[in-house]
C-alpha atoms as a PDB file:
ATOM      1  CA  MET A   1      47.948  30.780 -21.752  1.00  0.00           C
ATOM      2  CA  VAL A   2      45.494  33.689 -21.428  1.00  0.00           C
ATOM      3  CA  LYS A   3      42.724  31.633 -23.034  1.00  0.00           C
ATOM      4  CA  PHE A   4      43.352  28.792 -20.608  1.00  0.00           C
ATOM      5  CA  THR A   5      43.184  31.161 -17.628  1.00  0.00           C
ATOM      6  CA  THR A   6      39.977  32.730 -18.969  1.00  0.00           C
ATOM      7  CA  ILE A   7      38.406  29.309 -19.511  1.00  0.00           C
ATOM      8  CA  LEU A   8      39.508  28.236 -16.021  1.00  0.00           C
ATOM      9  CA  LEU A   9      37.900  31.346 -14.457  1.00  0.00           C
ATOM     10  CA  VAL A  10      34.657  30.821 -16.381  1.00  0.00           C
ATOM     11  CA  LEU A  11      34.506  27.166 -15.331  1.00  0.00           C
ATOM     12  CA  THR A  12      35.207  28.101 -11.732  1.00  0.00           C
ATOM     13  CA  ARG A  13      32.338  30.592 -11.763  1.00  0.00           C
ATOM     14  CA  GLU A  14      29.998  28.048 -13.358  1.00  0.00           C
ATOM     15  CA  GLU A  15      31.001  25.396 -10.844  1.00  0.00           C
ATOM     16  CA  GLY A  16      30.345  27.870  -8.045  1.00  0.00           C
ATOM     17  CA  LEU A  17      26.895  28.569  -9.431  1.00  0.00           C
ATOM     18  CA  ILE A  18      26.178  24.891  -9.825  1.00  0.00           C
ATOM     19  CA  VAL A  19      27.287  24.184  -6.253  1.00  0.00           C
ATOM     20  CA  SER A  20      25.262  27.076  -4.829  1.00  0.00           C
ATOM     21  CA  PHE A  21      22.132  26.152  -6.784  1.00  0.00           C
ATOM     22  CA  GLY A  22      22.635  22.527  -5.850  1.00  0.00           C
ATOM     23  CA  SER A  23      22.902  23.342  -2.160  1.00  0.00           C
ATOM     24  CA  ILE A  24      19.790  25.502  -2.357  1.00  0.00           C
ATOM     25  CA  ALA A  25      17.940  22.671  -4.120  1.00  0.00           C
ATOM     26  CA  VAL A  26      19.031  20.179  -1.434  1.00  0.00           C
ATOM     27  CA  PHE A  27      17.888  22.568   1.311  1.00  0.00           C
ATOM     28  CA  PHE A  28      14.428  22.979  -0.225  1.00  0.00           C
ATOM     29  CA  PHE A  29      14.172  19.240  -0.869  1.00  0.00           C
ATOM     30  CA  ILE A  30      14.873  18.552   2.814  1.00  0.00           C
ATOM     31  CA  LEU A  31      12.337  21.219   3.753  1.00  0.00           C
ATOM     32  CA  LEU A  32       9.750  19.615   1.455  1.00  0.00           C
ATOM     33  CA  ILE A  33      10.331  16.130   2.867  1.00  0.00           C
ATOM     34  CA  SER A  34      10.071  17.353   6.464  1.00  0.00           C
ATOM     35  CA  GLY A  35       6.849  19.219   5.622  1.00  0.00           C
ATOM     36  CA  LEU A  36       5.338  16.093   4.072  1.00  0.00           C
ATOM     37  CA  ARG A  37       6.275  13.997   7.120  1.00  0.00           C
ATOM     38  CA  LYS A  38       4.766  16.584   9.465  1.00  0.00           C
ATOM     39  CA  THR A  39       1.566  16.729   7.404  1.00  0.00           C
ATOM     40  CA  ARG A  40       1.243  12.941   7.489  1.00  0.00           C
ATOM     41  CA  LYS A  41       1.741  12.838  11.251  1.00  0.00           C
ATOM     42  CA  LEU A  42      -0.823  15.602  11.793  1.00  0.00           C
ATOM     43  CA  ASN A  43      -3.360  13.826   9.579  1.00  0.00           C
ATOM     44  CA  GLU A  44      -2.911  10.580  11.535  1.00  0.00           C
ATOM     45  CA  GLU A  45      -3.347  12.413  14.835  1.00  0.00           C
ATOM     46  CA  ASN A  46      -6.421  14.204  13.511  1.00  0.00           C
ATOM     47  CA  ARG A  47      -7.939  10.882  12.416  1.00  0.00           C
ATOM     48  CA  ARG A  48      -7.303   9.350  15.860  1.00  0.00           C
ATOM     49  CA  LEU A  49      -8.869  12.346  17.604  1.00  0.00           C
ATOM     50  CA  MET A  50     -11.915  12.273  15.340  1.00  0.00           C
ATOM     51  CA  ASP A  51     -12.353   8.545  16.009  1.00  0.00           C
ATOM     52  CA  SER A  52     -12.183   9.112  19.760  1.00  0.00           C
ATOM     53  CA  ILE A  53     -14.702  11.960  19.503  1.00  0.00           C
ATOM     54  CA  ASP A  54     -17.044   9.722  17.498  1.00  0.00           C
ATOM     55  CA  LEU A  55     -16.750   6.982  20.132  1.00  0.00           C
ATOM     56  CA  ASN A  56     -17.496   9.452  22.920  1.00  0.00           C
ATOM     57  CA  LEU A  57     -20.532  10.779  21.073  1.00  0.00           C
ATOM     58  CA  GLN A  58     -21.837   7.265  20.497  1.00  0.00           C
ATOM     59  CA  GLU A  59     -21.396   6.379  24.167  1.00  0.00           C
ATOM     60  CA  THR A  60     -23.256   9.484  25.342  1.00  0.00           C
ATOM     61  CA  ALA A  61     -26.032   8.899  22.807  1.00  0.00           C
ATOM     62  CA  GLU A  62     -26.479   5.303  24.014  1.00  0.00           C
ATOM     63  CA  GLU A  63     -26.825   6.281  27.666  1.00  0.00           C
ATOM     64  CA  GLU A  64     -30.363   6.266  28.961  1.00  0.00           C
ATOM     65  CA  TYR A  65     -31.920   9.701  29.363  1.00  0.00           C
ATOM     66  CA  GLN A  66     -32.538  10.735  32.967  1.00  0.00           C
ATOM     67  CA  ASP A  67     -35.368  13.101  33.770  1.00  0.00           C
ATOM     68  CA  PHE A  68     -34.084  15.832  36.058  1.00  0.00           C
ATOM     69  CA  THR A  69     -37.348  17.784  36.345  1.00  0.00           C
ATOM     70  CA  GLU A  70     -38.320  15.926  39.542  1.00  0.00           C
ATOM     71  CA  THR A  71     -35.623  17.723  41.504  1.00  0.00           C
ATOM     72  CA  HIS A  72     -36.115  21.100  39.891  1.00  0.00           C
ATOM     73  CA  ALA A  73     -36.046  23.993  42.377  1.00  0.00           C
ATOM     74  CA  TYR A  74     -39.063  25.787  40.844  1.00  0.00           C
ATOM     75  CA  LYS A  75     -41.352  22.790  40.724  1.00  0.00           C
ATOM     76  CA  SER A  76     -44.806  23.484  42.009  1.00  0.00           C
ATOM     77  CA  ASP A  77     -46.152  20.879  44.446  1.00  0.00           C
ATOM     78  CA  SER A  78     -49.804  21.513  43.648  1.00  0.00           C
END
């Protein structure tokens, strides 16, 4: 009977360790998955922003240059 009780206590301790390590592993797995999702979303947003910046730069580069020296305040009329 003593051996059975000792074996039961040892198994209970091992099961407790397994459950605690398992719960810790599940927590970190959820943390890892949420981090990967957040990284993917941030990369997509970054790509969209970079595309919009590129489009804005192309539009400003295509605009015709306007010479503003004609209305300059320090222009000499001579």
